[in-house]
Amino acid sequence: MKIVIDGDGCPVKEIAENTAKRMGIGIVIYISIKHYSPKSSDNMIYVDAGFQSVDMAVANNISKGDVVVTGDYGLAELCLMKGCFCISFTGMIIDN
């Protein structure tokens, strides 16, 4: 199990990283190169700036049991179909 974050527009990246570290859980944050920040961490993976690039990177790199943090219901549906758990940026559980 790992935490996977749809990093474009995510206001809780730092909180999630600190929580994952404290709990000993792996974390990966996918971000469009258009949202590059000098505050990058080792957990951030930058992807192409194309339409839905971050969503496709998340969907292609998750495994059953992962926790996906996103504000995108379309991406959440793809993740749920793969057996992941989804929550919004505010902590709301997203389910079927």
C-alpha atoms as a PDB file:
ATOM      1  CA  MET A   1       0.000   0.000   0.000  1.00  0.00           C
ATOM      2  CA  LYS A   2       1.109   3.516  -0.814  1.00  0.00           C
ATOM      3  CA  ILE A   3      -0.438   6.964  -0.973  1.00  0.00           C
ATOM      4  CA  VAL A   4      -0.724   8.355  -4.495  1.00  0.00           C
ATOM      5  CA  ILE A   5      -1.588  12.021  -4.934  1.00  0.00           C
ATOM      6  CA  ASP A   6      -3.026  13.825  -7.938  1.00  0.00           C
ATOM      7  CA  GLY A   7      -0.733  16.773  -7.255  1.00  0.00           C
ATOM      8  CA  ASP A   8      -2.120  19.386  -9.636  1.00  0.00           C
ATOM      9  CA  GLY A   9      -3.961  21.834  -7.439  1.00  0.00           C
ATOM     10  CA  CYS A  10      -3.598  19.685  -4.323  1.00  0.00           C
ATOM     11  CA  PRO A  11      -3.408  21.927  -1.239  1.00  0.00           C
ATOM     12  CA  VAL A  12      -2.409  19.125   1.158  1.00  0.00           C
ATOM     13  CA  LYS A  13       0.785  17.721  -0.400  1.00  0.00           C
ATOM     14  CA  GLU A  14       2.993  18.703   2.530  1.00  0.00           C
ATOM     15  CA  ILE A  15       0.513  17.397   5.116  1.00  0.00           C
ATOM     16  CA  ALA A  16       0.236  14.100   3.232  1.00  0.00           C
ATOM     17  CA  GLU A  17       4.013  13.742   2.975  1.00  0.00           C
ATOM     18  CA  ASN A  18       4.475  14.381   6.694  1.00  0.00           C
ATOM     19  CA  THR A  19       1.706  11.921   7.582  1.00  0.00           C
ATOM     20  CA  ALA A  20       3.095   9.223   5.281  1.00  0.00           C
ATOM     21  CA  LYS A  21       6.566   9.645   6.743  1.00  0.00           C
ATOM     22  CA  ARG A  22       5.247   9.481  10.306  1.00  0.00           C
ATOM     23  CA  MET A  23       3.223   6.331   9.508  1.00  0.00           C
ATOM     24  CA  GLY A  24       5.973   4.655   7.470  1.00  0.00           C
ATOM     25  CA  ILE A  25       3.879   4.553   4.295  1.00  0.00           C
ATOM     26  CA  GLY A  26       5.254   5.195   0.820  1.00  0.00           C
ATOM     27  CA  ILE A  27       3.957   8.230  -1.044  1.00  0.00           C
ATOM     28  CA  VAL A  28       4.105   9.375  -4.660  1.00  0.00           C
ATOM     29  CA  ILE A  29       2.912  12.758  -5.899  1.00  0.00           C
ATOM     30  CA  TYR A  30       2.297  13.162  -9.637  1.00  0.00           C
ATOM     31  CA  ILE A  31       2.436  16.752 -10.911  1.00  0.00           C
ATOM     32  CA  SER A  32       2.296  18.365 -14.335  1.00  0.00           C
ATOM     33  CA  ILE A  33       5.522  20.078 -15.351  1.00  0.00           C
ATOM     34  CA  LYS A  34       3.368  23.229 -15.694  1.00  0.00           C
ATOM     35  CA  HIS A  35       3.124  23.230 -11.884  1.00  0.00           C
ATOM     36  CA  TYR A  36       6.853  22.873 -11.242  1.00  0.00           C
ATOM     37  CA  SER A  37       7.929  24.229  -7.873  1.00  0.00           C
ATOM     38  CA  PRO A  38      11.392  24.757  -6.453  1.00  0.00           C
ATOM     39  CA  LYS A  39       9.972  23.161  -3.276  1.00  0.00           C
ATOM     40  CA  SER A  40       9.995  19.754  -5.006  1.00  0.00           C
ATOM     41  CA  SER A  41      10.547  16.702  -2.850  1.00  0.00           C
ATOM     42  CA  ASP A  42      11.901  13.239  -3.597  1.00  0.00           C
ATOM     43  CA  ASN A  43       8.304  11.977  -3.659  1.00  0.00           C
ATOM     44  CA  MET A  44       7.267  14.156  -6.617  1.00  0.00           C
ATOM     45  CA  ILE A  45       7.186  12.849 -10.147  1.00  0.00           C
ATOM     46  CA  TYR A  46       6.716  15.420 -12.890  1.00  0.00           C
ATOM     47  CA  VAL A  47       4.803  14.397 -16.012  1.00  0.00           C
ATOM     48  CA  ASP A  48       4.065  15.973 -19.385  1.00  0.00           C
ATOM     49  CA  ALA A  49       1.908  19.093 -19.505  1.00  0.00           C
ATOM     50  CA  GLY A  50      -0.607  17.468 -21.864  1.00  0.00           C
ATOM     51  CA  PHE A  51      -4.328  17.100 -21.216  1.00  0.00           C
ATOM     52  CA  GLN A  52      -5.027  14.543 -18.440  1.00  0.00           C
ATOM     53  CA  SER A  53      -1.329  13.574 -18.212  1.00  0.00           C
ATOM     54  CA  VAL A  54      -1.324  13.526 -14.405  1.00  0.00           C
ATOM     55  CA  ASP A  55      -4.553  11.526 -14.257  1.00  0.00           C
ATOM     56  CA  MET A  56      -3.192   8.938 -16.679  1.00  0.00           C
ATOM     57  CA  ALA A  57       0.098   8.701 -14.756  1.00  0.00           C
ATOM     58  CA  VAL A  58      -1.811   8.088 -11.528  1.00  0.00           C
ATOM     59  CA  ALA A  59      -4.166   5.544 -13.121  1.00  0.00           C
ATOM     60  CA  ASN A  60      -1.272   3.662 -14.747  1.00  0.00           C
ATOM     61  CA  ASN A  61       0.863   3.480 -11.596  1.00  0.00           C
ATOM     62  CA  ILE A  62      -1.556   2.387  -8.876  1.00  0.00           C
ATOM     63  CA  SER A  63      -2.122  -1.022  -7.368  1.00  0.00           C
ATOM     64  CA  LYS A  64      -5.015  -2.574  -5.508  1.00  0.00           C
ATOM     65  CA  GLY A  65      -5.097  -1.269  -1.941  1.00  0.00           C
ATOM     66  CA  ASP A  66      -3.386   2.059  -2.665  1.00  0.00           C
ATOM     67  CA  VAL A  67      -4.906   5.258  -1.275  1.00  0.00           C
ATOM     68  CA  VAL A  68      -5.446   7.894  -3.959  1.00  0.00           C
ATOM     69  CA  VAL A  69      -5.922  11.540  -3.009  1.00  0.00           C
ATOM     70  CA  THR A  70      -7.697  13.516  -5.742  1.00  0.00           C
ATOM     71  CA  GLY A  71     -10.333  16.130  -6.416  1.00  0.00           C
ATOM     72  CA  ASP A  72     -11.162  14.581  -9.797  1.00  0.00           C
ATOM     73  CA  TYR A  73     -14.178  12.262  -9.748  1.00  0.00           C
ATOM     74  CA  GLY A  74     -13.293  10.769 -13.150  1.00  0.00           C
ATOM     75  CA  LEU A  75      -9.856   9.758 -11.891  1.00  0.00           C
ATOM     76  CA  ALA A  76     -11.392   8.514  -8.652  1.00  0.00           C
ATOM     77  CA  GLU A  77     -13.691   6.204 -10.634  1.00  0.00           C
ATOM     78  CA  LEU A  78     -10.728   4.727 -12.534  1.00  0.00           C
ATOM     79  CA  CYS A  79      -8.919   4.151  -9.230  1.00  0.00           C
ATOM     80  CA  LEU A  80     -11.954   2.573  -7.563  1.00  0.00           C
ATOM     81  CA  MET A  81     -12.246   0.134 -10.474  1.00  0.00           C
ATOM     82  CA  LYS A  82      -8.642  -0.936  -9.780  1.00  0.00           C
ATOM     83  CA  GLY A  83      -9.419  -1.634  -6.108  1.00  0.00           C
ATOM     84  CA  CYS A  84      -7.944   1.542  -4.617  1.00  0.00           C
ATOM     85  CA  PHE A  85      -9.325   3.698  -1.843  1.00  0.00           C
ATOM     86  CA  CYS A  86     -10.012   7.328  -2.776  1.00  0.00           C
ATOM     87  CA  ILE A  87     -10.284  10.461  -0.704  1.00  0.00           C
ATOM     88  CA  SER A  88     -10.673  14.111  -1.628  1.00  0.00           C
ATOM     89  CA  PHE A  89      -8.268  16.871  -0.677  1.00  0.00           C
ATOM     90  CA  THR A  90     -10.538  17.629   2.299  1.00  0.00           C
ATOM     91  CA  GLY A  91     -10.609  14.028   3.521  1.00  0.00           C
ATOM     92  CA  MET A  92     -14.010  13.054   2.109  1.00  0.00           C
ATOM     93  CA  ILE A  93     -14.160   9.364   1.211  1.00  0.00           C
ATOM     94  CA  ILE A  94     -15.022   8.808  -2.433  1.00  0.00           C
ATOM     95  CA  ASP A  95     -16.724   5.485  -3.146  1.00  0.00           C
ATOM     96  CA  ASN A  96     -19.079   3.875  -5.634  1.00  0.00           C
END
